[in-house]
Amino acid sequence: MKPNLAGKHQAAGKPQLVVMARWPAPGRCKQRLSRGLGPGRAARIQQVLTAHTLAVASQLQGVEVVVAMDGLGPRAARRWFGARVGLRWVGQGRGSLGLRMQRQINRAIREGAKSVVLIGSDLPRLESADLAAGFAGLGAAAGDGCDLVLGPADDGGYWLIGLYQSQPSLLAGIPWGSDQVMGCTLERAERLGLDVGLLATRSDLDWPRDLLPWR
């Protein structure tokens, strides 16, 4: 899917927050949740989570918010984002999660973002302070903070990743979707000599069991 050109980039130099989101339609999102709840209910949950994530993201000051969408075409994306002032959308493109994330990091840095933070859209307890902590961990300027910021998830992955510059080998060959994601990423960061900052551990919502605290 080609990026939306209706909202041209006008925030060079600002930190950029990228929300990795999937179109909340039955059968197109939350496959693990769908297996236990059915595709319709899983899609409704995804819709609520995405709306919550975008509402929290919009509270940040001095940060450009970009939504990297998967699962819908340009026409539907224009309809969906038409009423959302201050948000810009782009396509995720094809490939593994690591490749799609790397594509967004490259794009943000190419556009002039001084730092880039990526999050998903499945964090029911996400707060603006969580996102602010991610940017704060990177510091106000290169050399003023960590090279890499990660927000650990309690399932062995991470809910946030932040960087100053592109590190393609950091995301290559990671066993996405497993409980080894965080450990493998930390090992890779150590080999690359990156200074890592860790945020608070958070719970995302991927499996039916993850809904238990909300019942």
C-alpha atoms as a PDB file:
ATOM      1  CA  MET A   1       0.000   0.000   0.000  1.00  0.00           C
ATOM      2  CA  LYS A   2       1.402   3.391  -0.937  1.00  0.00           C
ATOM      3  CA  PRO A   3       1.667   6.128   1.696  1.00  0.00           C
ATOM      4  CA  ASN A   4      -0.995   8.792   1.972  1.00  0.00           C
ATOM      5  CA  LEU A   5       0.221  11.873   0.134  1.00  0.00           C
ATOM      6  CA  ALA A   6      -2.713  14.005   1.194  1.00  0.00           C
ATOM      7  CA  GLY A   7      -0.962  14.877   4.449  1.00  0.00           C
ATOM      8  CA  LYS A   8       2.562  15.758   3.326  1.00  0.00           C
ATOM      9  CA  HIS A   9       5.314  15.616   5.908  1.00  0.00           C
ATOM     10  CA  GLN A  10       5.784  18.986   7.579  1.00  0.00           C
ATOM     11  CA  ALA A  11       7.444  18.081  10.887  1.00  0.00           C
ATOM     12  CA  ALA A  12      11.108  17.518  10.029  1.00  0.00           C
ATOM     13  CA  GLY A  13      13.256  17.689  13.136  1.00  0.00           C
ATOM     14  CA  LYS A  14      10.478  16.683  15.520  1.00  0.00           C
ATOM     15  CA  PRO A  15      10.500  13.361  17.354  1.00  0.00           C
ATOM     16  CA  GLN A  16       8.160  10.946  15.609  1.00  0.00           C
ATOM     17  CA  LEU A  17       5.808   8.433  17.207  1.00  0.00           C
ATOM     18  CA  VAL A  18       4.798   5.588  14.907  1.00  0.00           C
ATOM     19  CA  VAL A  19       1.742   3.538  15.834  1.00  0.00           C
ATOM     20  CA  MET A  20       1.846   0.129  14.146  1.00  0.00           C
ATOM     21  CA  ALA A  21      -1.841  -0.653  13.623  1.00  0.00           C
ATOM     22  CA  ARG A  22      -3.937  -3.184  11.756  1.00  0.00           C
ATOM     23  CA  TRP A  23      -7.308  -2.432  10.201  1.00  0.00           C
ATOM     24  CA  PRO A  24      -9.926  -3.598  12.746  1.00  0.00           C
ATOM     25  CA  ALA A  25     -11.977  -5.781  10.425  1.00  0.00           C
ATOM     26  CA  PRO A  26     -13.074  -9.391  11.111  1.00  0.00           C
ATOM     27  CA  GLY A  27     -10.460 -11.829   9.847  1.00  0.00           C
ATOM     28  CA  ARG A  28      -7.848  -9.109   9.287  1.00  0.00           C
ATOM     29  CA  CYS A  29      -6.628  -8.535  12.835  1.00  0.00           C
ATOM     30  CA  LYS A  30      -5.963 -10.217  16.160  1.00  0.00           C
ATOM     31  CA  GLN A  31      -5.659 -13.749  14.787  1.00  0.00           C
ATOM     32  CA  ARG A  32      -4.688 -15.270  18.143  1.00  0.00           C
ATOM     33  CA  LEU A  33      -7.600 -13.525  19.832  1.00  0.00           C
ATOM     34  CA  SER A  34      -9.926 -14.599  17.020  1.00  0.00           C
ATOM     35  CA  ARG A  35      -9.226 -18.265  17.638  1.00  0.00           C
ATOM     36  CA  GLY A  36     -10.756 -18.022  21.092  1.00  0.00           C
ATOM     37  CA  LEU A  37     -13.363 -15.294  20.690  1.00  0.00           C
ATOM     38  CA  GLY A  38     -14.299 -15.320  17.032  1.00  0.00           C
ATOM     39  CA  PRO A  39     -13.237 -12.810  14.364  1.00  0.00           C
ATOM     40  CA  GLY A  40     -16.092 -10.365  14.961  1.00  0.00           C
ATOM     41  CA  ARG A  41     -15.461  -9.892  18.659  1.00  0.00           C
ATOM     42  CA  ALA A  42     -11.697  -9.776  18.135  1.00  0.00           C
ATOM     43  CA  ALA A  43     -12.150  -7.005  15.555  1.00  0.00           C
ATOM     44  CA  ARG A  44     -14.306  -4.965  17.931  1.00  0.00           C
ATOM     45  CA  ILE A  45     -11.649  -5.286  20.621  1.00  0.00           C
ATOM     46  CA  GLN A  46      -8.991  -4.188  18.138  1.00  0.00           C
ATOM     47  CA  GLN A  47     -11.101  -1.167  17.207  1.00  0.00           C
ATOM     48  CA  VAL A  48     -11.389  -0.104  20.857  1.00  0.00           C
ATOM     49  CA  LEU A  49      -7.668  -0.630  21.466  1.00  0.00           C
ATOM     50  CA  THR A  50      -6.695   1.334  18.361  1.00  0.00           C
ATOM     51  CA  ALA A  51      -8.969   4.239  19.295  1.00  0.00           C
ATOM     52  CA  HIS A  52      -7.478   4.264  22.798  1.00  0.00           C
ATOM     53  CA  THR A  53      -3.915   4.238  21.440  1.00  0.00           C
ATOM     54  CA  LEU A  54      -4.580   7.122  19.062  1.00  0.00           C
ATOM     55  CA  ALA A  55      -6.305   9.139  21.794  1.00  0.00           C
ATOM     56  CA  VAL A  56      -3.310   8.699  24.100  1.00  0.00           C
ATOM     57  CA  ALA A  57      -0.828   9.450  21.299  1.00  0.00           C
ATOM     58  CA  SER A  58      -2.629  12.682  20.448  1.00  0.00           C
ATOM     59  CA  GLN A  59      -1.929  14.003  23.958  1.00  0.00           C
ATOM     60  CA  LEU A  60       1.822  14.262  23.308  1.00  0.00           C
ATOM     61  CA  GLN A  61       3.192  17.749  22.665  1.00  0.00           C
ATOM     62  CA  GLY A  62       5.946  18.457  20.167  1.00  0.00           C
ATOM     63  CA  VAL A  63       5.784  14.978  18.640  1.00  0.00           C
ATOM     64  CA  GLU A  64       4.543  14.039  15.184  1.00  0.00           C
ATOM     65  CA  VAL A  65       2.183  11.038  15.264  1.00  0.00           C
ATOM     66  CA  VAL A  66       2.227   8.713  12.248  1.00  0.00           C
ATOM     67  CA  VAL A  67      -0.069   5.700  12.002  1.00  0.00           C
ATOM     68  CA  ALA A  68       1.429   2.841   9.990  1.00  0.00           C
ATOM     69  CA  MET A  69      -1.580   0.845   8.826  1.00  0.00           C
ATOM     70  CA  ASP A  70      -1.883  -2.704   7.570  1.00  0.00           C
ATOM     71  CA  GLY A  71      -4.922  -4.446   6.130  1.00  0.00           C
ATOM     72  CA  LEU A  72      -6.731  -1.707   4.197  1.00  0.00           C
ATOM     73  CA  GLY A  73      -6.359   0.191   0.944  1.00  0.00           C
ATOM     74  CA  PRO A  74      -5.723   3.904   0.401  1.00  0.00           C
ATOM     75  CA  ARG A  75      -9.395   4.797  -0.206  1.00  0.00           C
ATOM     76  CA  ALA A  76     -10.590   3.184   3.020  1.00  0.00           C
ATOM     77  CA  ALA A  77      -7.666   4.719   4.913  1.00  0.00           C
ATOM     78  CA  ARG A  78      -8.573   8.198   3.682  1.00  0.00           C
ATOM     79  CA  ARG A  79     -12.152   7.704   4.906  1.00  0.00           C
ATOM     80  CA  TRP A  80     -11.004   6.400   8.279  1.00  0.00           C
ATOM     81  CA  PHE A  81      -8.431   9.140   8.886  1.00  0.00           C
ATOM     82  CA  GLY A  82     -10.349  11.969   7.294  1.00  0.00           C
ATOM     83  CA  ALA A  83     -11.795  13.220  10.593  1.00  0.00           C
ATOM     84  CA  ARG A  84      -8.661  12.655  12.664  1.00  0.00           C
ATOM     85  CA  VAL A  85      -6.912  16.006  12.744  1.00  0.00           C
ATOM     86  CA  GLY A  86      -3.182  15.914  13.398  1.00  0.00           C
ATOM     87  CA  LEU A  87      -2.670  12.279  12.381  1.00  0.00           C
ATOM     88  CA  ARG A  88      -0.818  11.143   9.282  1.00  0.00           C
ATOM     89  CA  TRP A  89      -1.015   7.623   7.962  1.00  0.00           C
ATOM     90  CA  VAL A  90       1.348   5.517   5.885  1.00  0.00           C
ATOM     91  CA  GLY A  91       1.303   1.892   4.781  1.00  0.00           C
ATOM     92  CA  GLN A  92       3.332  -0.740   6.611  1.00  0.00           C
ATOM     93  CA  GLY A  93       4.234  -2.596   3.419  1.00  0.00           C
ATOM     94  CA  ARG A  94       4.987  -6.290   3.139  1.00  0.00           C
ATOM     95  CA  GLY A  95       7.297  -8.603   5.043  1.00  0.00           C
ATOM     96  CA  SER A  96       7.950  -9.765   8.581  1.00  0.00           C
ATOM     97  CA  LEU A  97       7.219  -7.572  11.574  1.00  0.00           C
ATOM     98  CA  GLY A  98      10.907  -6.731  11.825  1.00  0.00           C
ATOM     99  CA  LEU A  99      11.053  -5.647   8.200  1.00  0.00           C
ATOM    100  CA  ARG A 100       7.913  -3.534   8.525  1.00  0.00           C
ATOM    101  CA  MET A 101       9.223  -1.864  11.669  1.00  0.00           C
ATOM    102  CA  GLN A 102      12.595  -1.203  10.054  1.00  0.00           C
ATOM    103  CA  ARG A 103      10.809   0.348   7.080  1.00  0.00           C
ATOM    104  CA  GLN A 104       9.072   2.820   9.401  1.00  0.00           C
ATOM    105  CA  ILE A 105      12.284   3.665  11.238  1.00  0.00           C
ATOM    106  CA  ASN A 106      14.059   4.317   7.936  1.00  0.00           C
ATOM    107  CA  ARG A 107      11.201   6.482   6.693  1.00  0.00           C
ATOM    108  CA  ALA A 108      11.044   8.572   9.873  1.00  0.00           C
ATOM    109  CA  ILE A 109      14.789   9.210   9.896  1.00  0.00           C
ATOM    110  CA  ARG A 110      14.789   9.973   6.176  1.00  0.00           C
ATOM    111  CA  GLU A 111      12.084  12.573   6.834  1.00  0.00           C
ATOM    112  CA  GLY A 112      14.310  14.254   9.389  1.00  0.00           C
ATOM    113  CA  ALA A 113      12.884  12.972  12.677  1.00  0.00           C
ATOM    114  CA  LYS A 114      15.460  13.474  15.415  1.00  0.00           C
ATOM    115  CA  SER A 115      14.231  10.337  17.173  1.00  0.00           C
ATOM    116  CA  VAL A 116      11.593   7.712  16.481  1.00  0.00           C
ATOM    117  CA  VAL A 117       9.494   5.608  18.842  1.00  0.00           C
ATOM    118  CA  LEU A 118       7.338   2.692  17.661  1.00  0.00           C
ATOM    119  CA  ILE A 119       4.442   1.174  19.565  1.00  0.00           C
ATOM    120  CA  GLY A 120       1.680  -1.296  18.767  1.00  0.00           C
ATOM    121  CA  SER A 121      -2.040  -0.794  19.249  1.00  0.00           C
ATOM    122  CA  ASP A 122      -2.850  -3.489  21.798  1.00  0.00           C
ATOM    123  CA  LEU A 123      -2.070  -1.814  25.129  1.00  0.00           C
ATOM    124  CA  PRO A 124      -5.280  -1.266  27.130  1.00  0.00           C
ATOM    125  CA  ARG A 125      -3.431   0.522  29.968  1.00  0.00           C
ATOM    126  CA  LEU A 126      -1.273   2.767  27.778  1.00  0.00           C
ATOM    127  CA  GLU A 127      -0.866   6.316  29.122  1.00  0.00           C
ATOM    128  CA  SER A 128       0.760   9.400  27.628  1.00  0.00           C
ATOM    129  CA  ALA A 129       3.384   9.226  30.404  1.00  0.00           C
ATOM    130  CA  ASP A 130       4.523   5.863  28.991  1.00  0.00           C
ATOM    131  CA  LEU A 131       5.187   7.432  25.605  1.00  0.00           C
ATOM    132  CA  ALA A 132       6.829  10.494  27.134  1.00  0.00           C
ATOM    133  CA  ALA A 133       9.170   8.180  29.061  1.00  0.00           C
ATOM    134  CA  GLY A 134      10.206   6.528  25.817  1.00  0.00           C
ATOM    135  CA  PHE A 135      11.218   9.818  24.236  1.00  0.00           C
ATOM    136  CA  ALA A 136      12.835  11.008  27.474  1.00  0.00           C
ATOM    137  CA  GLY A 137      14.975   7.872  27.534  1.00  0.00           C
ATOM    138  CA  LEU A 138      16.428   8.855  24.183  1.00  0.00           C
ATOM    139  CA  GLY A 139      17.300  12.294  25.545  1.00  0.00           C
ATOM    140  CA  ALA A 140      16.856  15.716  24.013  1.00  0.00           C
ATOM    141  CA  ALA A 141      19.680  15.237  21.496  1.00  0.00           C
ATOM    142  CA  ALA A 142      21.987  12.540  20.173  1.00  0.00           C
ATOM    143  CA  GLY A 143      24.451  11.568  22.879  1.00  0.00           C
ATOM    144  CA  ASP A 144      22.156  12.916  25.595  1.00  0.00           C
ATOM    145  CA  GLY A 145      20.372   9.634  26.267  1.00  0.00           C
ATOM    146  CA  CYS A 146      20.323   5.945  25.395  1.00  0.00           C
ATOM    147  CA  ASP A 147      20.911   4.591  21.891  1.00  0.00           C
ATOM    148  CA  LEU A 148      17.943   2.257  22.248  1.00  0.00           C
ATOM    149  CA  VAL A 149      14.876   2.347  24.495  1.00  0.00           C
ATOM    150  CA  LEU A 150      12.698  -0.727  25.012  1.00  0.00           C
ATOM    151  CA  GLY A 151       9.471  -1.224  26.916  1.00  0.00           C
ATOM    152  CA  PRO A 152       9.361  -4.881  28.023  1.00  0.00           C
ATOM    153  CA  ALA A 153       6.088  -6.787  27.744  1.00  0.00           C
ATOM    154  CA  ASP A 154       5.241  -9.511  30.228  1.00  0.00           C
ATOM    155  CA  ASP A 155       4.908 -12.071  27.416  1.00  0.00           C
ATOM    156  CA  GLY A 156       8.614 -11.856  26.537  1.00  0.00           C
ATOM    157  CA  GLY A 157       8.280  -9.230  23.813  1.00  0.00           C
ATOM    158  CA  TYR A 158       8.298  -5.457  24.006  1.00  0.00           C
ATOM    159  CA  TRP A 159       5.589  -2.844  23.694  1.00  0.00           C
ATOM    160  CA  LEU A 160       7.834   0.080  22.677  1.00  0.00           C
ATOM    161  CA  ILE A 161      11.087   0.550  20.826  1.00  0.00           C
ATOM    162  CA  GLY A 162      12.866   3.873  20.371  1.00  0.00           C
ATOM    163  CA  LEU A 163      15.981   4.789  18.387  1.00  0.00           C
ATOM    164  CA  TYR A 164      17.998   7.775  17.189  1.00  0.00           C
ATOM    165  CA  GLN A 165      19.276   6.111  14.065  1.00  0.00           C
ATOM    166  CA  SER A 166      18.597   3.097  11.908  1.00  0.00           C
ATOM    167  CA  GLN A 167      19.992  -0.216  13.174  1.00  0.00           C
ATOM    168  CA  PRO A 168      18.868  -2.776  10.537  1.00  0.00           C
ATOM    169  CA  SER A 169      20.639  -5.747  12.095  1.00  0.00           C
ATOM    170  CA  LEU A 170      18.873  -5.095  15.411  1.00  0.00           C
ATOM    171  CA  LEU A 171      15.533  -6.284  14.033  1.00  0.00           C
ATOM    172  CA  ALA A 172      16.730  -8.964  11.603  1.00  0.00           C
ATOM    173  CA  GLY A 173      16.213 -12.631  12.462  1.00  0.00           C
ATOM    174  CA  ILE A 174      14.203 -12.045  15.650  1.00  0.00           C
ATOM    175  CA  PRO A 175      11.675 -14.839  16.437  1.00  0.00           C
ATOM    176  CA  TRP A 176       8.642 -12.539  16.333  1.00  0.00           C
ATOM    177  CA  GLY A 177       5.585 -13.719  18.232  1.00  0.00           C
ATOM    178  CA  SER A 178       7.623 -15.832  20.652  1.00  0.00           C
ATOM    179  CA  ASP A 179       8.646 -15.272  24.268  1.00  0.00           C
ATOM    180  CA  GLN A 180      12.254 -14.848  23.084  1.00  0.00           C
ATOM    181  CA  VAL A 181      11.804 -11.482  21.386  1.00  0.00           C
ATOM    182  CA  MET A 182      13.054  -9.287  24.234  1.00  0.00           C
ATOM    183  CA  GLY A 183      15.974 -11.552  25.113  1.00  0.00           C
ATOM    184  CA  CYS A 184      17.135 -11.840  21.514  1.00  0.00           C
ATOM    185  CA  THR A 185      16.838  -8.087  21.009  1.00  0.00           C
ATOM    186  CA  LEU A 186      18.914  -7.351  24.110  1.00  0.00           C
ATOM    187  CA  GLU A 187      21.588  -9.824  22.975  1.00  0.00           C
ATOM    188  CA  ARG A 188      21.679  -8.177  19.561  1.00  0.00           C
ATOM    189  CA  ALA A 189      21.918  -4.718  21.113  1.00  0.00           C
ATOM    190  CA  GLU A 190      24.859  -5.822  23.242  1.00  0.00           C
ATOM    191  CA  ARG A 191      26.707  -7.136  20.182  1.00  0.00           C
ATOM    192  CA  LEU A 192      26.065  -3.825  18.430  1.00  0.00           C
ATOM    193  CA  GLY A 193      27.385  -1.883  21.406  1.00  0.00           C
ATOM    194  CA  LEU A 194      24.113  -0.019  21.983  1.00  0.00           C
ATOM    195  CA  ASP A 195      23.360   1.657  25.295  1.00  0.00           C
ATOM    196  CA  VAL A 196      19.899   0.352  26.244  1.00  0.00           C
ATOM    197  CA  GLY A 197      17.300   2.011  28.454  1.00  0.00           C
ATOM    198  CA  LEU A 198      14.406  -0.071  29.790  1.00  0.00           C
ATOM    199  CA  LEU A 199      10.955   1.260  30.615  1.00  0.00           C
ATOM    200  CA  ALA A 200       8.327  -0.281  32.891  1.00  0.00           C
ATOM    201  CA  THR A 201       6.924  -3.667  31.946  1.00  0.00           C
ATOM    202  CA  ARG A 202       3.446  -3.541  30.450  1.00  0.00           C
ATOM    203  CA  SER A 203       0.834  -6.115  29.412  1.00  0.00           C
ATOM    204  CA  ASP A 204      -0.488  -6.218  25.875  1.00  0.00           C
ATOM    205  CA  LEU A 205      -3.634  -7.965  24.713  1.00  0.00           C
ATOM    206  CA  ASP A 206      -3.037 -10.835  22.308  1.00  0.00           C
ATOM    207  CA  TRP A 207      -4.718 -13.937  23.744  1.00  0.00           C
ATOM    208  CA  PRO A 208      -8.168 -14.572  25.276  1.00  0.00           C
ATOM    209  CA  ARG A 209      -6.485 -15.097  28.658  1.00  0.00           C
ATOM    210  CA  ASP A 210      -5.236 -11.501  28.481  1.00  0.00           C
ATOM    211  CA  LEU A 211      -8.862 -10.370  28.866  1.00  0.00           C
ATOM    212  CA  LEU A 212      -9.232 -11.921  32.318  1.00  0.00           C
ATOM    213  CA  PRO A 213      -8.216  -8.755  34.256  1.00  0.00           C
ATOM    214  CA  TRP A 214     -10.952  -6.844  32.383  1.00  0.00           C
ATOM    215  CA  ARG A 215     -13.823  -9.193  33.216  1.00  0.00           C
END
